[in-house]
Amino acid sequence: MTKDKYLGAGGKAAIAGAIGSAAIAAALLYVNRRKERERRPPTATTPPSGEQPETD
């Protein structure tokens, strides 16, 4: 037969802490990436001189 694995209150708290820490780290990375995108200037679709782009 298999043994039942018992996690005490400390074991459950450690697992919950690890999961919570990972969630916070992921949220911070997401926010930092969004801020970096906002700081970048938008990509230009037309030349800065105002000329129309040449197309085939």
PDB file of N, CA and C in Angstrom:
ATOM      1  N   MET A   1       0.829  -1.178   0.000  1.00  0.00           N
ATOM      2  CA  MET A   1       0.000   0.000   0.000  1.00  0.00           C
ATOM      3  C   MET A   1       0.879   1.249   0.000  1.00  0.00           C
ATOM      4  N   THR A   2       0.290   2.333  -0.443  1.00  0.00           N
ATOM      5  CA  THR A   2       1.035   3.583  -0.462  1.00  0.00           C
ATOM      6  C   THR A   2       0.809   4.337   0.833  1.00  0.00           C
ATOM      7  N   LYS A   3       1.811   5.084   1.202  1.00  0.00           N
ATOM      8  CA  LYS A   3       1.679   5.899   2.404  1.00  0.00           C
ATOM      9  C   LYS A   3       1.029   7.232   2.037  1.00  0.00           C
ATOM     10  N   ASP A   4       0.208   7.722   2.915  1.00  0.00           N
ATOM     11  CA  ASP A   4      -0.351   9.053   2.710  1.00  0.00           C
ATOM     12  C   ASP A   4       0.725  10.066   3.073  1.00  0.00           C
ATOM     13  N   LYS A   5       0.936  11.009   2.186  1.00  0.00           N
ATOM     14  CA  LYS A   5       1.926  12.052   2.461  1.00  0.00           C
ATOM     15  C   LYS A   5       1.218  13.171   3.205  1.00  0.00           C
ATOM     16  N   TYR A   6       1.790  13.541   4.322  1.00  0.00           N
ATOM     17  CA  TYR A   6       1.166  14.567   5.147  1.00  0.00           C
ATOM     18  C   TYR A   6       2.077  15.778   5.190  1.00  0.00           C
ATOM     19  N   LEU A   7       1.552  16.888   4.740  1.00  0.00           N
ATOM     20  CA  LEU A   7       2.269  18.154   4.859  1.00  0.00           C
ATOM     21  C   LEU A   7       1.682  18.879   6.062  1.00  0.00           C
ATOM     22  N   GLY A   8       2.525  19.226   6.950  1.00  0.00           N
ATOM     23  CA  GLY A   8       2.049  19.980   8.093  1.00  0.00           C
ATOM     24  C   GLY A   8       1.715  21.407   7.684  1.00  0.00           C
ATOM     25  N   ALA A   9       1.359  22.198   8.647  1.00  0.00           N
ATOM     26  CA  ALA A   9       1.027  23.592   8.373  1.00  0.00           C
ATOM     27  C   ALA A   9       2.228  24.322   7.786  1.00  0.00           C
ATOM     28  N   GLY A  10       3.429  23.980   8.238  1.00  0.00           N
ATOM     29  CA  GLY A  10       4.637  24.617   7.721  1.00  0.00           C
ATOM     30  C   GLY A  10       4.890  24.267   6.263  1.00  0.00           C
ATOM     31  N   GLY A  11       4.631  23.027   5.895  1.00  0.00           N
ATOM     32  CA  GLY A  11       4.822  22.596   4.509  1.00  0.00           C
ATOM     33  C   GLY A  11       3.857  23.285   3.567  1.00  0.00           C
ATOM     34  N   LYS A  12       2.603  23.389   3.998  1.00  0.00           N
ATOM     35  CA  LYS A  12       1.599  24.067   3.175  1.00  0.00           C
ATOM     36  C   LYS A  12       1.917  25.545   3.044  1.00  0.00           C
ATOM     37  N   ALA A  13       2.392  26.142   4.115  1.00  0.00           N
ATOM     38  CA  ALA A  13       2.743  27.557   4.080  1.00  0.00           C
ATOM     39  C   ALA A  13       3.936  27.794   3.156  1.00  0.00           C
ATOM     40  N   ALA A  14       4.885  26.874   3.162  1.00  0.00           N
ATOM     41  CA  ALA A  14       6.055  27.014   2.297  1.00  0.00           C
ATOM     42  C   ALA A  14       5.653  26.926   0.829  1.00  0.00           C
ATOM     43  N   ILE A  15       4.764  26.014   0.512  1.00  0.00           N
ATOM     44  CA  ILE A  15       4.294  25.873  -0.869  1.00  0.00           C
ATOM     45  C   ILE A  15       3.511  27.117  -1.284  1.00  0.00           C
ATOM     46  N   ALA A  16       2.642  27.590  -0.415  1.00  0.00           N
ATOM     47  CA  ALA A  16       1.867  28.788  -0.723  1.00  0.00           C
ATOM     48  C   ALA A  16       2.778  29.996  -0.891  1.00  0.00           C
ATOM     49  N   GLY A  17       3.808  30.084  -0.088  1.00  0.00           N
ATOM     50  CA  GLY A  17       4.757  31.195  -0.201  1.00  0.00           C
ATOM     51  C   GLY A  17       5.518  31.158  -1.514  1.00  0.00           C
ATOM     52  N   ALA A  18       5.915  29.975  -1.936  1.00  0.00           N
ATOM     53  CA  ALA A  18       6.644  29.843  -3.197  1.00  0.00           C
ATOM     54  C   ALA A  18       5.757  30.211  -4.382  1.00  0.00           C
ATOM     55  N   ILE A  19       4.516  29.771  -4.354  1.00  0.00           N
ATOM     56  CA  ILE A  19       3.591  30.090  -5.438  1.00  0.00           C
ATOM     57  C   ILE A  19       3.298  31.590  -5.452  1.00  0.00           C
ATOM     58  N   GLY A  20       3.105  32.174  -4.284  1.00  0.00           N
ATOM     59  CA  GLY A  20       2.846  33.609  -4.201  1.00  0.00           C
ATOM     60  C   GLY A  20       4.025  34.437  -4.687  1.00  0.00           C
ATOM     61  N   SER A  21       5.225  34.017  -4.337  1.00  0.00           N
ATOM     62  CA  SER A  21       6.420  34.730  -4.777  1.00  0.00           C
ATOM     63  C   SER A  21       6.567  34.672  -6.289  1.00  0.00           C
ATOM     64  N   ALA A  22       6.289  33.530  -6.865  1.00  0.00           N
ATOM     65  CA  ALA A  22       6.382  33.391  -8.316  1.00  0.00           C
ATOM     66  C   ALA A  22       5.340  34.266  -9.011  1.00  0.00           C
ATOM     67  N   ALA A  23       4.150  34.359  -8.445  1.00  0.00           N
ATOM     68  CA  ALA A  23       3.099  35.185  -9.038  1.00  0.00           C
ATOM     69  C   ALA A  23       3.480  36.659  -8.974  1.00  0.00           C
ATOM     70  N   ILE A  24       4.049  37.085  -7.880  1.00  0.00           N
ATOM     71  CA  ILE A  24       4.464  38.486  -7.748  1.00  0.00           C
ATOM     72  C   ILE A  24       5.592  38.791  -8.727  1.00  0.00           C
ATOM     73  N   ALA A  25       6.541  37.897  -8.867  1.00  0.00           N
ATOM     74  CA  ALA A  25       7.649  38.109  -9.797  1.00  0.00           C
ATOM     75  C   ALA A  25       7.144  38.208 -11.230  1.00  0.00           C
ATOM     76  N   ALA A  26       6.205  37.358 -11.607  1.00  0.00           N
ATOM     77  CA  ALA A  26       5.652  37.406 -12.959  1.00  0.00           C
ATOM     78  C   ALA A  26       4.907  38.710 -13.196  1.00  0.00           C
ATOM     79  N   ALA A  27       4.163  39.178 -12.210  1.00  0.00           N
ATOM     80  CA  ALA A  27       3.438  40.437 -12.356  1.00  0.00           C
ATOM     81  C   ALA A  27       4.401  41.609 -12.521  1.00  0.00           C
ATOM     82  N   LEU A  28       5.484  41.623 -11.777  1.00  0.00           N
ATOM     83  CA  LEU A  28       6.465  42.703 -11.902  1.00  0.00           C
ATOM     84  C   LEU A  28       7.141  42.699 -13.267  1.00  0.00           C
ATOM     85  N   LEU A  29       7.464  41.521 -13.782  1.00  0.00           N
ATOM     86  CA  LEU A  29       8.059  41.442 -15.112  1.00  0.00           C
ATOM     87  C   LEU A  29       7.095  41.962 -16.170  1.00  0.00           C
ATOM     88  N   TYR A  30       5.822  41.618 -16.044  1.00  0.00           N
ATOM     89  CA  TYR A  30       4.812  42.068 -16.998  1.00  0.00           C
ATOM     90  C   TYR A  30       4.693  43.590 -16.983  1.00  0.00           C
ATOM     91  N   VAL A  31       4.655  44.175 -15.806  1.00  0.00           N
ATOM     92  CA  VAL A  31       4.523  45.629 -15.682  1.00  0.00           C
ATOM     93  C   VAL A  31       5.751  46.330 -16.255  1.00  0.00           C
ATOM     94  N   ASN A  32       6.939  45.807 -15.982  1.00  0.00           N
ATOM     95  CA  ASN A  32       8.157  46.427 -16.501  1.00  0.00           C
ATOM     96  C   ASN A  32       8.196  46.391 -18.019  1.00  0.00           C
ATOM     97  N   ARG A  33       7.752  45.315 -18.628  1.00  0.00           N
ATOM     98  CA  ARG A  33       7.738  45.234 -20.088  1.00  0.00           C
ATOM     99  C   ARG A  33       6.762  46.245 -20.675  1.00  0.00           C
ATOM    100  N   ARG A  34       5.624  46.413 -20.044  1.00  0.00           N
ATOM    101  CA  ARG A  34       4.647  47.388 -20.550  1.00  0.00           C
ATOM    102  C   ARG A  34       5.208  48.793 -20.461  1.00  0.00           C
ATOM    103  N   LYS A  35       5.906  49.103 -19.380  1.00  0.00           N
ATOM    104  CA  LYS A  35       6.504  50.433 -19.234  1.00  0.00           C
ATOM    105  C   LYS A  35       7.557  50.680 -20.301  1.00  0.00           C
ATOM    106  N   GLU A  36       8.360  49.660 -20.612  1.00  0.00           N
ATOM    107  CA  GLU A  36       9.392  49.803 -21.640  1.00  0.00           C
ATOM    108  C   GLU A  36       8.763  50.074 -22.996  1.00  0.00           C
ATOM    109  N   ARG A  37       7.662  49.428 -23.300  1.00  0.00           N
ATOM    110  CA  ARG A  37       6.992  49.650 -24.582  1.00  0.00           C
ATOM    111  C   ARG A  37       6.423  51.061 -24.670  1.00  0.00           C
ATOM    112  N   GLU A  38       5.931  51.586 -23.565  1.00  0.00           N
ATOM    113  CA  GLU A  38       5.382  52.938 -23.564  1.00  0.00           C
ATOM    114  C   GLU A  38       6.478  53.978 -23.767  1.00  0.00           C
ATOM    115  N   ARG A  39       7.685  53.702 -23.277  1.00  0.00           N
ATOM    116  CA  ARG A  39       8.794  54.649 -23.389  1.00  0.00           C
ATOM    117  C   ARG A  39       9.337  54.740 -24.805  1.00  0.00           C
ATOM    118  N   ARG A  40       9.256  53.651 -25.558  1.00  0.00           N
ATOM    119  CA  ARG A  40       9.797  53.646 -26.917  1.00  0.00           C
ATOM    120  C   ARG A  40       8.977  54.558 -27.811  1.00  0.00           C
ATOM    121  N   PRO A  41       9.639  55.287 -28.706  1.00  0.00           N
ATOM    122  CA  PRO A  41       8.873  56.097 -29.649  1.00  0.00           C
ATOM    123  C   PRO A  41       8.126  55.197 -30.623  1.00  0.00           C
ATOM    124  N   PRO A  42       6.984  55.625 -31.084  1.00  0.00           N
ATOM    125  CA  PRO A  42       6.237  54.788 -32.025  1.00  0.00           C
ATOM    126  C   PRO A  42       7.007  54.656 -33.338  1.00  0.00           C
ATOM    127  N   THR A  43       6.867  53.521 -33.966  1.00  0.00           N
ATOM    128  CA  THR A  43       7.558  53.313 -35.234  1.00  0.00           C
ATOM    129  C   THR A  43       6.884  54.152 -36.310  1.00  0.00           C
ATOM    130  N   ALA A  44       7.684  54.760 -37.129  1.00  0.00           N
ATOM    131  CA  ALA A  44       7.163  55.632 -38.175  1.00  0.00           C
ATOM    132  C   ALA A  44       6.688  54.807 -39.364  1.00  0.00           C
ATOM    133  N   THR A  45       5.518  55.121 -39.878  1.00  0.00           N
ATOM    134  CA  THR A  45       5.012  54.426 -41.052  1.00  0.00           C
ATOM    135  C   THR A  45       5.262  55.249 -42.306  1.00  0.00           C
ATOM    136  N   THR A  46       5.502  56.546 -42.154  1.00  0.00           N
ATOM    137  CA  THR A  46       5.828  57.397 -43.291  1.00  0.00           C
ATOM    138  C   THR A  46       7.202  58.009 -43.063  1.00  0.00           C
ATOM    139  N   PRO A  47       7.916  58.308 -44.124  1.00  0.00           N
ATOM    140  CA  PRO A  47       9.234  58.929 -43.954  1.00  0.00           C
ATOM    141  C   PRO A  47       9.101  60.282 -43.261  1.00  0.00           C
ATOM    142  N   PRO A  48      10.089  60.668 -42.466  1.00  0.00           N
ATOM    143  CA  PRO A  48      10.003  61.933 -41.745  1.00  0.00           C
ATOM    144  C   PRO A  48       9.987  63.152 -42.657  1.00  0.00           C
ATOM    145  N   SER A  49      10.462  63.016 -43.907  1.00  0.00           N
ATOM    146  CA  SER A  49      10.499  64.160 -44.811  1.00  0.00           C
ATOM    147  C   SER A  49       9.119  64.482 -45.363  1.00  0.00           C
ATOM    148  N   GLY A  50       8.154  63.605 -45.193  1.00  0.00           N
ATOM    149  CA  GLY A  50       6.817  63.844 -45.680  1.00  0.00           C
ATOM    150  C   GLY A  50       6.570  63.278 -47.074  1.00  0.00           C
ATOM    151  N   GLU A  51       7.608  62.669 -47.679  1.00  0.00           N
ATOM    152  CA  GLU A  51       7.449  62.080 -49.008  1.00  0.00           C
ATOM    153  C   GLU A  51       6.608  60.812 -48.916  1.00  0.00           C
ATOM    154  N   GLN A  52       5.897  60.541 -49.982  1.00  0.00           N
ATOM    155  CA  GLN A  52       5.128  59.314 -50.033  1.00  0.00           C
ATOM    156  C   GLN A  52       6.080  58.152 -50.291  1.00  0.00           C
ATOM    157  N   PRO A  53       5.914  57.033 -49.620  1.00  0.00           N
ATOM    158  CA  PRO A  53       6.797  55.886 -49.868  1.00  0.00           C
ATOM    159  C   PRO A  53       6.584  55.313 -51.261  1.00  0.00           C
ATOM    160  N   GLU A  54       7.670  54.872 -51.858  1.00  0.00           N
ATOM    161  CA  GLU A  54       7.572  54.270 -53.185  1.00  0.00           C
ATOM    162  C   GLU A  54       7.125  52.820 -53.051  1.00  0.00           C
ATOM    163  N   THR A  55       6.155  52.456 -53.830  1.00  0.00           N
ATOM    164  CA  THR A  55       5.667  51.071 -53.805  1.00  0.00           C
ATOM    165  C   THR A  55       5.669  50.534 -55.215  1.00  0.00           C
ATOM    166  N   ASP A  56       5.692  49.252 -55.338  1.00  0.00           N
ATOM    167  CA  ASP A  56       5.667  48.619 -56.673  1.00  0.00           C
ATOM    168  C   ASP A  56       4.252  48.407 -57.125  1.00  0.00           C
TER     169      ASP A  56
END
